[in-house]
Amino acid sequence: MPRSVNHVASRARRKKILKRVKGQFGARKNVWTVAKNAYEKGLTYAFADRRRKKREFRALWIQRINAAARLEGMSYSQLMGALHKAGIEINRKTLANLAMNNQEAFKAIVDKVK
């Protein structure tokens, strides 16, 4: 009995991955083994970077808050300590948004904790 090979399914698997790596440079876009390796490595980076994104955004928010706080004559750590002591529960994302887009509201918060 001849060997039965499901070429439809295996070609579909290859096409799916080759479609996902379309736009990459060199052999990564059209050579099956290279494309498969590039795709799998990309998935690894995607997993790690979902966590890294949270760290990077928190760092960005802190930088923005610090820059706005220094314009008001405080450092970031002094501001966060004063907010905690005053019992004002506001997260860094919201505070950074106020610092960037609504300086009057940020100034009011800083004046309240001074």
PDB file of N, CA and C in Angstrom:
ATOM      1  N   MET A   1       0.845  -1.182   0.000  1.00  0.00           N
ATOM      2  CA  MET A   1       0.000   0.000   0.000  1.00  0.00           C
ATOM      3  C   MET A   1       0.889   1.244   0.000  1.00  0.00           C
ATOM      4  N   PRO A   2       0.602   2.213  -0.874  1.00  0.00           N
ATOM      5  CA  PRO A   2       1.448   3.406  -0.919  1.00  0.00           C
ATOM      6  C   PRO A   2       1.280   4.271   0.332  1.00  0.00           C
ATOM      7  N   ARG A   3       2.338   5.011   0.594  1.00  0.00           N
ATOM      8  CA  ARG A   3       2.341   5.882   1.766  1.00  0.00           C
ATOM      9  C   ARG A   3       1.424   7.069   1.516  1.00  0.00           C
ATOM     10  N   SER A   4       0.609   7.398   2.504  1.00  0.00           N
ATOM     11  CA  SER A   4      -0.326   8.512   2.374  1.00  0.00           C
ATOM     12  C   SER A   4       0.253   9.726   3.096  1.00  0.00           C
ATOM     13  N   VAL A   5       0.439  10.797   2.349  1.00  0.00           N
ATOM     14  CA  VAL A   5       0.994  12.019   2.922  1.00  0.00           C
ATOM     15  C   VAL A   5      -0.031  13.135   2.717  1.00  0.00           C
ATOM     16  N   ASN A   6      -0.344  13.827   3.776  1.00  0.00           N
ATOM     17  CA  ASN A   6      -1.353  14.884   3.688  1.00  0.00           C
ATOM     18  C   ASN A   6      -0.665  16.189   3.289  1.00  0.00           C
ATOM     19  N   HIS A   7      -0.441  16.341   1.979  1.00  0.00           N
ATOM     20  CA  HIS A   7       0.246  17.543   1.498  1.00  0.00           C
ATOM     21  C   HIS A   7      -0.581  18.805   1.706  1.00  0.00           C
ATOM     22  N   VAL A   8      -1.882  18.667   1.726  1.00  0.00           N
ATOM     23  CA  VAL A   8      -2.734  19.841   1.903  1.00  0.00           C
ATOM     24  C   VAL A   8      -2.472  20.480   3.263  1.00  0.00           C
ATOM     25  N   ALA A   9      -2.436  19.666   4.306  1.00  0.00           N
ATOM     26  CA  ALA A   9      -2.234  20.193   5.661  1.00  0.00           C
ATOM     27  C   ALA A   9      -0.820  20.720   5.845  1.00  0.00           C
ATOM     28  N   SER A  10       0.186  19.992   5.358  1.00  0.00           N
ATOM     29  CA  SER A  10       1.563  20.449   5.568  1.00  0.00           C
ATOM     30  C   SER A  10       1.832  21.728   4.785  1.00  0.00           C
ATOM     31  N   ARG A  11       1.283  21.842   3.573  1.00  0.00           N
ATOM     32  CA  ARG A  11       1.457  23.077   2.804  1.00  0.00           C
ATOM     33  C   ARG A  11       0.736  24.241   3.483  1.00  0.00           C
ATOM     34  N   ALA A  12      -0.425  23.958   4.072  1.00  0.00           N
ATOM     35  CA  ALA A  12      -1.166  25.008   4.781  1.00  0.00           C
ATOM     36  C   ALA A  12      -0.385  25.504   5.988  1.00  0.00           C
ATOM     37  N   ARG A  13       0.268  24.577   6.704  1.00  0.00           N
ATOM     38  CA  ARG A  13       1.084  24.977   7.857  1.00  0.00           C
ATOM     39  C   ARG A  13       2.218  25.894   7.417  1.00  0.00           C
ATOM     40  N   ARG A  14       2.880  25.507   6.309  1.00  0.00           N
ATOM     41  CA  ARG A  14       3.990  26.327   5.813  1.00  0.00           C
ATOM     42  C   ARG A  14       3.496  27.694   5.339  1.00  0.00           C
ATOM     43  N   LYS A  15       2.394  27.689   4.627  1.00  0.00           N
ATOM     44  CA  LYS A  15       1.847  28.956   4.118  1.00  0.00           C
ATOM     45  C   LYS A  15       1.479  29.894   5.252  1.00  0.00           C
ATOM     46  N   LYS A  16       0.944  29.314   6.337  1.00  0.00           N
ATOM     47  CA  LYS A  16       0.531  30.135   7.485  1.00  0.00           C
ATOM     48  C   LYS A  16       1.745  30.861   8.078  1.00  0.00           C
ATOM     49  N   ILE A  17       2.839  30.136   8.239  1.00  0.00           N
ATOM     50  CA  ILE A  17       4.035  30.764   8.822  1.00  0.00           C
ATOM     51  C   ILE A  17       4.681  31.728   7.831  1.00  0.00           C
ATOM     52  N   LEU A  18       4.746  31.340   6.555  1.00  0.00           N
ATOM     53  CA  LEU A  18       5.340  32.235   5.556  1.00  0.00           C
ATOM     54  C   LEU A  18       4.531  33.523   5.414  1.00  0.00           C
ATOM     55  N   LYS A  19       3.231  33.433   5.603  1.00  0.00           N
ATOM     56  CA  LYS A  19       2.400  34.633   5.564  1.00  0.00           C
ATOM     57  C   LYS A  19       2.712  35.542   6.754  1.00  0.00           C
ATOM     58  N   ARG A  20       2.991  34.945   7.901  1.00  0.00           N
ATOM     59  CA  ARG A  20       3.262  35.743   9.106  1.00  0.00           C
ATOM     60  C   ARG A  20       4.638  36.402   9.096  1.00  0.00           C
ATOM     61  N   VAL A  21       5.595  35.850   8.341  1.00  0.00           N
ATOM     62  CA  VAL A  21       6.931  36.458   8.299  1.00  0.00           C
ATOM     63  C   VAL A  21       7.112  37.334   7.052  1.00  0.00           C
ATOM     64  N   LYS A  22       6.021  37.534   6.312  1.00  0.00           N
ATOM     65  CA  LYS A  22       6.098  38.385   5.125  1.00  0.00           C
ATOM     66  C   LYS A  22       6.530  39.792   5.557  1.00  0.00           C
ATOM     67  N   GLY A  23       7.470  40.365   4.828  1.00  0.00           N
ATOM     68  CA  GLY A  23       7.963  41.690   5.162  1.00  0.00           C
ATOM     69  C   GLY A  23       9.288  41.662   5.889  1.00  0.00           C
ATOM     70  N   GLN A  24       9.743  40.472   6.287  1.00  0.00           N
ATOM     71  CA  GLN A  24      11.052  40.403   6.927  1.00  0.00           C
ATOM     72  C   GLN A  24      12.145  40.415   5.866  1.00  0.00           C
ATOM     73  N   PHE A  25      13.392  40.585   6.305  1.00  0.00           N
ATOM     74  CA  PHE A  25      14.518  40.814   5.404  1.00  0.00           C
ATOM     75  C   PHE A  25      15.146  39.495   4.963  1.00  0.00           C
ATOM     76  N   GLY A  26      15.554  39.439   3.719  1.00  0.00           N
ATOM     77  CA  GLY A  26      16.339  38.322   3.205  1.00  0.00           C
ATOM     78  C   GLY A  26      15.576  37.012   3.171  1.00  0.00           C
ATOM     79  N   ALA A  27      16.282  35.937   3.503  1.00  0.00           N
ATOM     80  CA  ALA A  27      15.713  34.592   3.424  1.00  0.00           C
ATOM     81  C   ALA A  27      14.642  34.351   4.479  1.00  0.00           C
ATOM     82  N   ARG A  28      14.548  35.237   5.461  1.00  0.00           N
ATOM     83  CA  ARG A  28      13.564  35.039   6.529  1.00  0.00           C
ATOM     84  C   ARG A  28      12.135  35.087   6.002  1.00  0.00           C
ATOM     85  N   LYS A  29      11.943  35.680   4.830  1.00  0.00           N
ATOM     86  CA  LYS A  29      10.582  35.830   4.314  1.00  0.00           C
ATOM     87  C   LYS A  29      10.153  34.716   3.370  1.00  0.00           C
ATOM     88  N   ASN A  30      11.129  33.928   2.811  1.00  0.00           N
ATOM     89  CA  ASN A  30      10.705  32.963   1.801  1.00  0.00           C
ATOM     90  C   ASN A  30      11.350  31.582   1.902  1.00  0.00           C
ATOM     91  N   VAL A  31      12.363  31.404   2.737  1.00  0.00           N
ATOM     92  CA  VAL A  31      12.967  30.077   2.915  1.00  0.00           C
ATOM     93  C   VAL A  31      12.335  29.449   4.153  1.00  0.00           C
ATOM     94  N   TRP A  32      11.746  28.286   3.973  1.00  0.00           N
ATOM     95  CA  TRP A  32      10.901  27.692   5.006  1.00  0.00           C
ATOM     96  C   TRP A  32      11.613  27.543   6.355  1.00  0.00           C
ATOM     97  N   THR A  33      12.806  26.913   6.378  1.00  0.00           N
ATOM     98  CA  THR A  33      13.453  26.655   7.669  1.00  0.00           C
ATOM     99  C   THR A  33      13.873  27.954   8.344  1.00  0.00           C
ATOM    100  N   VAL A  34      14.392  28.892   7.564  1.00  0.00           N
ATOM    101  CA  VAL A  34      14.812  30.181   8.123  1.00  0.00           C
ATOM    102  C   VAL A  34      13.595  30.949   8.635  1.00  0.00           C
ATOM    103  N   ALA A  35      12.522  30.912   7.839  1.00  0.00           N
ATOM    104  CA  ALA A  35      11.295  31.619   8.230  1.00  0.00           C
ATOM    105  C   ALA A  35      10.702  31.025   9.503  1.00  0.00           C
ATOM    106  N   LYS A  36      10.714  29.703   9.607  1.00  0.00           N
ATOM    107  CA  LYS A  36      10.162  29.042  10.802  1.00  0.00           C
ATOM    108  C   LYS A  36      10.952  29.432  12.042  1.00  0.00           C
ATOM    109  N   ASN A  37      12.280  29.439  11.918  1.00  0.00           N
ATOM    110  CA  ASN A  37      13.123  29.830  13.056  1.00  0.00           C
ATOM    111  C   ASN A  37      12.900  31.291  13.437  1.00  0.00           C
ATOM    112  N   ALA A  38      12.789  32.157  12.429  1.00  0.00           N
ATOM    113  CA  ALA A  38      12.562  33.582  12.694  1.00  0.00           C
ATOM    114  C   ALA A  38      11.219  33.780  13.378  1.00  0.00           C
ATOM    115  N   TYR A  39      10.210  33.050  12.920  1.00  0.00           N
ATOM    116  CA  TYR A  39       8.867  33.166  13.505  1.00  0.00           C
ATOM    117  C   TYR A  39       8.863  32.710  14.961  1.00  0.00           C
ATOM    118  N   GLU A  40       9.504  31.585  15.240  1.00  0.00           N
ATOM    119  CA  GLU A  40       9.532  31.069  16.612  1.00  0.00           C
ATOM    120  C   GLU A  40      10.312  31.996  17.537  1.00  0.00           C
ATOM    121  N   LYS A  41      11.406  32.541  17.036  1.00  0.00           N
ATOM    122  CA  LYS A  41      12.172  33.485  17.853  1.00  0.00           C
ATOM    123  C   LYS A  41      11.360  34.755  18.104  1.00  0.00           C
ATOM    124  N   GLY A  42      10.606  35.173  17.102  1.00  0.00           N
ATOM    125  CA  GLY A  42       9.740  36.335  17.265  1.00  0.00           C
ATOM    126  C   GLY A  42       8.693  36.115  18.337  1.00  0.00           C
ATOM    127  N   LEU A  43       8.151  34.905  18.410  1.00  0.00           N
ATOM    128  CA  LEU A  43       7.174  34.590  19.460  1.00  0.00           C
ATOM    129  C   LEU A  43       7.810  34.678  20.845  1.00  0.00           C
ATOM    130  N   THR A  44       9.074  34.252  20.941  1.00  0.00           N
ATOM    131  CA  THR A  44       9.785  34.340  22.220  1.00  0.00           C
ATOM    132  C   THR A  44       9.936  35.801  22.642  1.00  0.00           C
ATOM    133  N   TYR A  45      10.345  36.654  21.692  1.00  0.00           N
ATOM    134  CA  TYR A  45      10.482  38.074  22.000  1.00  0.00           C
ATOM    135  C   TYR A  45       9.133  38.695  22.363  1.00  0.00           C
ATOM    136  N   ALA A  46       8.084  38.264  21.663  1.00  0.00           N
ATOM    137  CA  ALA A  46       6.759  38.822  21.937  1.00  0.00           C
ATOM    138  C   ALA A  46       6.339  38.512  23.366  1.00  0.00           C
ATOM    139  N   PHE A  47       6.612  37.304  23.823  1.00  0.00           N
ATOM    140  CA  PHE A  47       6.261  36.907  25.189  1.00  0.00           C
ATOM    141  C   PHE A  47       7.027  37.754  26.200  1.00  0.00           C
ATOM    142  N   ALA A  48       8.337  37.885  25.978  1.00  0.00           N
ATOM    143  CA  ALA A  48       9.162  38.643  26.918  1.00  0.00           C
ATOM    144  C   ALA A  48       8.812  40.126  26.896  1.00  0.00           C
ATOM    145  N   ASP A  49       8.532  40.648  25.706  1.00  0.00           N
ATOM    146  CA  ASP A  49       8.301  42.084  25.581  1.00  0.00           C
ATOM    147  C   ASP A  49       6.947  42.517  26.116  1.00  0.00           C
ATOM    148  N   ARG A  50       5.999  41.591  26.239  1.00  0.00           N
ATOM    149  CA  ARG A  50       4.740  41.958  26.894  1.00  0.00           C
ATOM    150  C   ARG A  50       5.004  42.321  28.351  1.00  0.00           C
ATOM    151  N   ARG A  51       5.964  41.670  28.961  1.00  0.00           N
ATOM    152  CA  ARG A  51       6.336  42.018  30.336  1.00  0.00           C
ATOM    153  C   ARG A  51       7.211  43.257  30.376  1.00  0.00           C
ATOM    154  N   ARG A  52       8.138  43.350  29.409  1.00  0.00           N
ATOM    155  CA  ARG A  52       9.062  44.488  29.385  1.00  0.00           C
ATOM    156  C   ARG A  52       8.311  45.801  29.140  1.00  0.00           C
ATOM    157  N   LYS A  53       7.232  45.737  28.363  1.00  0.00           N
ATOM    158  CA  LYS A  53       6.453  46.942  28.057  1.00  0.00           C
ATOM    159  C   LYS A  53       5.931  47.589  29.330  1.00  0.00           C
ATOM    160  N   LYS A  54       5.508  46.791  30.287  1.00  0.00           N
ATOM    161  CA  LYS A  54       4.989  47.319  31.548  1.00  0.00           C
ATOM    162  C   LYS A  54       6.074  48.086  32.298  1.00  0.00           C
ATOM    163  N   ARG A  55       7.303  47.524  32.297  1.00  0.00           N
ATOM    164  CA  ARG A  55       8.423  48.203  32.960  1.00  0.00           C
ATOM    165  C   ARG A  55       8.749  49.520  32.278  1.00  0.00           C
ATOM    166  N   GLU A  56       8.769  49.505  30.941  1.00  0.00           N
ATOM    167  CA  GLU A  56       9.157  50.699  30.195  1.00  0.00           C
ATOM    168  C   GLU A  56       8.138  51.818  30.358  1.00  0.00           C
ATOM    169  N   PHE A  57       6.852  51.464  30.386  1.00  0.00           N
ATOM    170  CA  PHE A  57       5.837  52.498  30.570  1.00  0.00           C
ATOM    171  C   PHE A  57       5.907  53.088  31.976  1.00  0.00           C
ATOM    172  N   ARG A  58       6.134  52.243  32.976  1.00  0.00           N
ATOM    173  CA  ARG A  58       6.259  52.770  34.340  1.00  0.00           C
ATOM    174  C   ARG A  58       7.444  53.742  34.423  1.00  0.00           C
ATOM    175  N   ALA A  59       8.554  53.392  33.801  1.00  0.00           N
ATOM    176  CA  ALA A  59       9.726  54.269  33.796  1.00  0.00           C
ATOM    177  C   ALA A  59       9.419  55.591  33.086  1.00  0.00           C
ATOM    178  N   LEU A  60       8.673  55.521  31.989  1.00  0.00           N
ATOM    179  CA  LEU A  60       8.296  56.730  31.260  1.00  0.00           C
ATOM    180  C   LEU A  60       7.409  57.624  32.115  1.00  0.00           C
ATOM    181  N   TRP A  61       6.432  57.014  32.800  1.00  0.00           N
ATOM    182  CA  TRP A  61       5.542  57.801  33.663  1.00  0.00           C
ATOM    183  C   TRP A  61       6.339  58.491  34.761  1.00  0.00           C
ATOM    184  N   ILE A  62       7.283  57.777  35.349  1.00  0.00           N
ATOM    185  CA  ILE A  62       8.096  58.349  36.429  1.00  0.00           C
ATOM    186  C   ILE A  62       8.912  59.529  35.906  1.00  0.00           C
ATOM    187  N   GLN A  63       9.480  59.406  34.700  1.00  0.00           N
ATOM    188  CA  GLN A  63      10.254  60.505  34.124  1.00  0.00           C
ATOM    189  C   GLN A  63       9.380  61.732  33.897  1.00  0.00           C
ATOM    190  N   ARG A  64       8.176  61.508  33.415  1.00  0.00           N
ATOM    191  CA  ARG A  64       7.272  62.640  33.149  1.00  0.00           C
ATOM    192  C   ARG A  64       6.837  63.317  34.439  1.00  0.00           C
ATOM    193  N   ILE A  65       6.533  62.518  35.453  1.00  0.00           N
ATOM    194  CA  ILE A  65       6.131  63.073  36.743  1.00  0.00           C
ATOM    195  C   ILE A  65       7.293  63.854  37.348  1.00  0.00           C
ATOM    196  N   ASN A  66       8.494  63.303  37.249  1.00  0.00           N
ATOM    197  CA  ASN A  66       9.674  63.948  37.814  1.00  0.00           C
ATOM    198  C   ASN A  66       9.923  65.292  37.134  1.00  0.00           C
ATOM    199  N   ALA A  67       9.808  65.330  35.797  1.00  0.00           N
ATOM    200  CA  ALA A  67      10.041  66.587  35.072  1.00  0.00           C
ATOM    201  C   ALA A  67       9.017  67.644  35.484  1.00  0.00           C
ATOM    202  N   ALA A  68       7.749  67.236  35.598  1.00  0.00           N
ATOM    203  CA  ALA A  68       6.706  68.192  35.974  1.00  0.00           C
ATOM    204  C   ALA A  68       6.852  68.619  37.434  1.00  0.00           C
ATOM    205  N   ALA A  69       7.250  67.688  38.293  1.00  0.00           N
ATOM    206  CA  ALA A  69       7.406  68.002  39.712  1.00  0.00           C
ATOM    207  C   ALA A  69       8.556  68.986  39.920  1.00  0.00           C
ATOM    208  N   ARG A  70       9.621  68.840  39.162  1.00  0.00           N
ATOM    209  CA  ARG A  70      10.763  69.741  39.302  1.00  0.00           C
ATOM    210  C   ARG A  70      10.419  71.159  38.861  1.00  0.00           C
ATOM    211  N   LEU A  71       9.492  71.278  37.920  1.00  0.00           N
ATOM    212  CA  LEU A  71       9.017  72.616  37.555  1.00  0.00           C
ATOM    213  C   LEU A  71       8.269  73.269  38.709  1.00  0.00           C
ATOM    214  N   GLU A  72       7.706  72.450  39.587  1.00  0.00           N
ATOM    215  CA  GLU A  72       6.986  72.942  40.766  1.00  0.00           C
ATOM    216  C   GLU A  72       7.885  73.006  42.009  1.00  0.00           C
ATOM    217  N   GLY A  73       9.169  72.700  41.846  1.00  0.00           N
ATOM    218  CA  GLY A  73      10.115  72.828  42.946  1.00  0.00           C
ATOM    219  C   GLY A  73      10.210  71.612  43.849  1.00  0.00           C
ATOM    220  N   MET A  74       9.799  70.458  43.366  1.00  0.00           N
ATOM    221  CA  MET A  74       9.907  69.204  44.138  1.00  0.00           C
ATOM    222  C   MET A  74      10.573  68.159  43.259  1.00  0.00           C
ATOM    223  N   SER A  75      11.141  67.153  43.904  1.00  0.00           N
ATOM    224  CA  SER A  75      11.634  66.018  43.134  1.00  0.00           C
ATOM    225  C   SER A  75      10.538  64.952  43.088  1.00  0.00           C
ATOM    226  N   TYR A  76      10.747  63.937  42.270  1.00  0.00           N
ATOM    227  CA  TYR A  76       9.762  62.862  42.144  1.00  0.00           C
ATOM    228  C   TYR A  76       9.555  62.161  43.484  1.00  0.00           C
ATOM    229  N   SER A  77      10.655  61.837  44.156  1.00  0.00           N
ATOM    230  CA  SER A  77      10.535  61.081  45.407  1.00  0.00           C
ATOM    231  C   SER A  77       9.853  61.918  46.492  1.00  0.00           C
ATOM    232  N   GLN A  78      10.155  63.200  46.530  1.00  0.00           N
ATOM    233  CA  GLN A  78       9.482  64.076  47.510  1.00  0.00           C
ATOM    234  C   GLN A  78       7.987  64.145  47.231  1.00  0.00           C
ATOM    235  N   LEU A  79       7.639  64.270  45.953  1.00  0.00           N
ATOM    236  CA  LEU A  79       6.228  64.346  45.572  1.00  0.00           C
ATOM    237  C   LEU A  79       5.494  63.057  45.933  1.00  0.00           C
ATOM    238  N   MET A  80       6.068  61.913  45.606  1.00  0.00           N
ATOM    239  CA  MET A  80       5.390  60.640  45.876  1.00  0.00           C
ATOM    240  C   MET A  80       5.276  60.405  47.386  1.00  0.00           C
ATOM    241  N   GLY A  81       6.309  60.793  48.141  1.00  0.00           N
ATOM    242  CA  GLY A  81       6.231  60.667  49.589  1.00  0.00           C
ATOM    243  C   GLY A  81       5.151  61.569  50.176  1.00  0.00           C
ATOM    244  N   ALA A  82       5.057  62.791  49.660  1.00  0.00           N
ATOM    245  CA  ALA A  82       4.038  63.727  50.151  1.00  0.00           C
ATOM    246  C   ALA A  82       2.635  63.260  49.788  1.00  0.00           C
ATOM    247  N   LEU A  83       2.472  62.692  48.578  1.00  0.00           N
ATOM    248  CA  LEU A  83       1.169  62.157  48.176  1.00  0.00           C
ATOM    249  C   LEU A  83       0.748  61.018  49.098  1.00  0.00           C
ATOM    250  N   HIS A  84       1.695  60.157  49.405  1.00  0.00           N
ATOM    251  CA  HIS A  84       1.396  59.024  50.289  1.00  0.00           C
ATOM    252  C   HIS A  84       1.024  59.507  51.692  1.00  0.00           C
ATOM    253  N   LYS A  85       1.788  60.484  52.173  1.00  0.00           N
ATOM    254  CA  LYS A  85       1.534  61.006  53.516  1.00  0.00           C
ATOM    255  C   LYS A  85       0.187  61.732  53.593  1.00  0.00           C
ATOM    256  N   ALA A  86      -0.189  62.403  52.495  1.00  0.00           N
ATOM    257  CA  ALA A  86      -1.459  63.123  52.462  1.00  0.00           C
ATOM    258  C   ALA A  86      -2.644  62.189  52.226  1.00  0.00           C
ATOM    259  N   GLY A  87      -2.353  60.933  51.902  1.00  0.00           N
ATOM    260  CA  GLY A  87      -3.428  59.963  51.674  1.00  0.00           C
ATOM    261  C   GLY A  87      -4.093  60.104  50.320  1.00  0.00           C
ATOM    262  N   ILE A  88      -3.398  60.703  49.361  1.00  0.00           N
ATOM    263  CA  ILE A  88      -3.948  60.850  48.011  1.00  0.00           C
ATOM    264  C   ILE A  88      -3.547  59.626  47.203  1.00  0.00           C
ATOM    265  N   GLU A  89      -4.540  58.818  46.843  1.00  0.00           N
ATOM    266  CA  GLU A  89      -4.289  57.596  46.077  1.00  0.00           C
ATOM    267  C   GLU A  89      -4.489  57.898  44.592  1.00  0.00           C
ATOM    268  N   ILE A  90      -3.388  58.146  43.887  1.00  0.00           N
ATOM    269  CA  ILE A  90      -3.454  58.380  42.443  1.00  0.00           C
ATOM    270  C   ILE A  90      -2.297  57.620  41.815  1.00  0.00           C
ATOM    271  N   ASN A  91      -2.591  56.880  40.769  1.00  0.00           N
ATOM    272  CA  ASN A  91      -1.526  56.061  40.194  1.00  0.00           C
ATOM    273  C   ASN A  91      -0.624  56.879  39.272  1.00  0.00           C
ATOM    274  N   ARG A  92       0.519  56.305  38.944  1.00  0.00           N
ATOM    275  CA  ARG A  92       1.532  57.025  38.178  1.00  0.00           C
ATOM    276  C   ARG A  92       1.069  57.315  36.759  1.00  0.00           C
ATOM    277  N   LYS A  93       0.297  56.411  36.183  1.00  0.00           N
ATOM    278  CA  LYS A  93      -0.199  56.626  34.818  1.00  0.00           C
ATOM    279  C   LYS A  93      -1.074  57.873  34.752  1.00  0.00           C
ATOM    280  N   THR A  94      -1.995  58.001  35.700  1.00  0.00           N
ATOM    281  CA  THR A  94      -2.895  59.152  35.738  1.00  0.00           C
ATOM    282  C   THR A  94      -2.117  60.427  36.049  1.00  0.00           C
ATOM    283  N   LEU A  95      -1.198  60.324  36.983  1.00  0.00           N
ATOM    284  CA  LEU A  95      -0.406  61.495  37.366  1.00  0.00           C
ATOM    285  C   LEU A  95       0.446  61.988  36.194  1.00  0.00           C
ATOM    286  N   ALA A  96       1.040  61.052  35.444  1.00  0.00           N
ATOM    287  CA  ALA A  96       1.840  61.426  34.275  1.00  0.00           C
ATOM    288  C   ALA A  96       0.964  62.049  33.193  1.00  0.00           C
ATOM    289  N   ASN A  97      -0.245  61.530  33.043  1.00  0.00           N
ATOM    290  CA  ASN A  97      -1.174  62.089  32.060  1.00  0.00           C
ATOM    291  C   ASN A  97      -1.546  63.527  32.434  1.00  0.00           C
ATOM    292  N   LEU A  98      -1.789  63.759  33.718  1.00  0.00           N
ATOM    293  CA  LEU A  98      -2.078  65.124  34.175  1.00  0.00           C
ATOM    294  C   LEU A  98      -0.870  66.035  33.955  1.00  0.00           C
ATOM    295  N   ALA A  99       0.313  65.520  34.244  1.00  0.00           N
ATOM    296  CA  ALA A  99       1.531  66.316  34.095  1.00  0.00           C
ATOM    297  C   ALA A  99       1.746  66.727  32.643  1.00  0.00           C
ATOM    298  N   MET A 100       1.384  65.849  31.718  1.00  0.00           N
ATOM    299  CA  MET A 100       1.587  66.146  30.297  1.00  0.00           C
ATOM    300  C   MET A 100       0.469  67.010  29.725  1.00  0.00           C
ATOM    301  N   ASN A 101      -0.779  66.696  30.050  1.00  0.00           N
ATOM    302  CA  ASN A 101      -1.912  67.272  29.327  1.00  0.00           C
ATOM    303  C   ASN A 101      -2.717  68.297  30.116  1.00  0.00           C
ATOM    304  N   ASN A 102      -2.535  68.333  31.448  1.00  0.00           N
ATOM    305  CA  ASN A 102      -3.341  69.239  32.254  1.00  0.00           C
ATOM    306  C   ASN A 102      -2.477  69.772  33.399  1.00  0.00           C
ATOM    307  N   GLN A 103      -1.604  70.728  33.070  1.00  0.00           N
ATOM    308  CA  GLN A 103      -0.642  71.222  34.056  1.00  0.00           C
ATOM    309  C   GLN A 103      -1.319  71.889  35.244  1.00  0.00           C
ATOM    310  N   GLU A 104      -2.495  72.510  35.027  1.00  0.00           N
ATOM    311  CA  GLU A 104      -3.177  73.177  36.138  1.00  0.00           C
ATOM    312  C   GLU A 104      -3.619  72.165  37.190  1.00  0.00           C
ATOM    313  N   ALA A 105      -4.150  71.044  36.742  1.00  0.00           N
ATOM    314  CA  ALA A 105      -4.587  70.004  37.679  1.00  0.00           C
ATOM    315  C   ALA A 105      -3.389  69.419  38.418  1.00  0.00           C
ATOM    316  N   PHE A 106      -2.283  69.212  37.696  1.00  0.00           N
ATOM    317  CA  PHE A 106      -1.076  68.688  38.334  1.00  0.00           C
ATOM    318  C   PHE A 106      -0.561  69.676  39.375  1.00  0.00           C
ATOM    319  N   LYS A 107      -0.570  70.964  39.015  1.00  0.00           N
ATOM    320  CA  LYS A 107      -0.121  72.001  39.955  1.00  0.00           C
ATOM    321  C   LYS A 107      -1.010  72.031  41.184  1.00  0.00           C
ATOM    322  N   ALA A 108      -2.327  71.835  41.009  1.00  0.00           N
ATOM    323  CA  ALA A 108      -3.247  71.811  42.144  1.00  0.00           C
ATOM    324  C   ALA A 108      -2.929  70.639  43.070  1.00  0.00           C
ATOM    325  N   ILE A 109      -2.599  69.496  42.518  1.00  0.00           N
ATOM    326  CA  ILE A 109      -2.241  68.342  43.342  1.00  0.00           C
ATOM    327  C   ILE A 109      -0.960  68.623  44.119  1.00  0.00           C
ATOM    328  N   VAL A 110       0.035  69.211  43.425  1.00  0.00           N
ATOM    329  CA  VAL A 110       1.299  69.523  44.087  1.00  0.00           C
ATOM    330  C   VAL A 110       1.094  70.546  45.197  1.00  0.00           C
ATOM    331  N   ASP A 111       0.274  71.572  44.940  1.00  0.00           N
ATOM    332  CA  ASP A 111       0.004  72.583  45.957  1.00  0.00           C
ATOM    333  C   ASP A 111      -0.706  71.979  47.163  1.00  0.00           C
ATOM    334  N   LYS A 112      -1.561  70.999  46.918  1.00  0.00           N
ATOM    335  CA  LYS A 112      -2.290  70.361  48.011  1.00  0.00           C
ATOM    336  C   LYS A 112      -1.362  69.599  48.955  1.00  0.00           C
ATOM    337  N   VAL A 113      -0.311  68.993  48.395  1.00  0.00           N
ATOM    338  CA  VAL A 113       0.580  68.181  49.241  1.00  0.00           C
ATOM    339  C   VAL A 113       1.749  68.975  49.791  1.00  0.00           C
ATOM    340  N   LYS A 114       1.961  70.199  49.340  1.00  0.00           N
ATOM    341  CA  LYS A 114       3.106  70.997  49.844  1.00  0.00           C
ATOM    342  C   LYS A 114       2.872  71.443  51.275  1.00  0.00           C
TER     343      LYS A 114
END
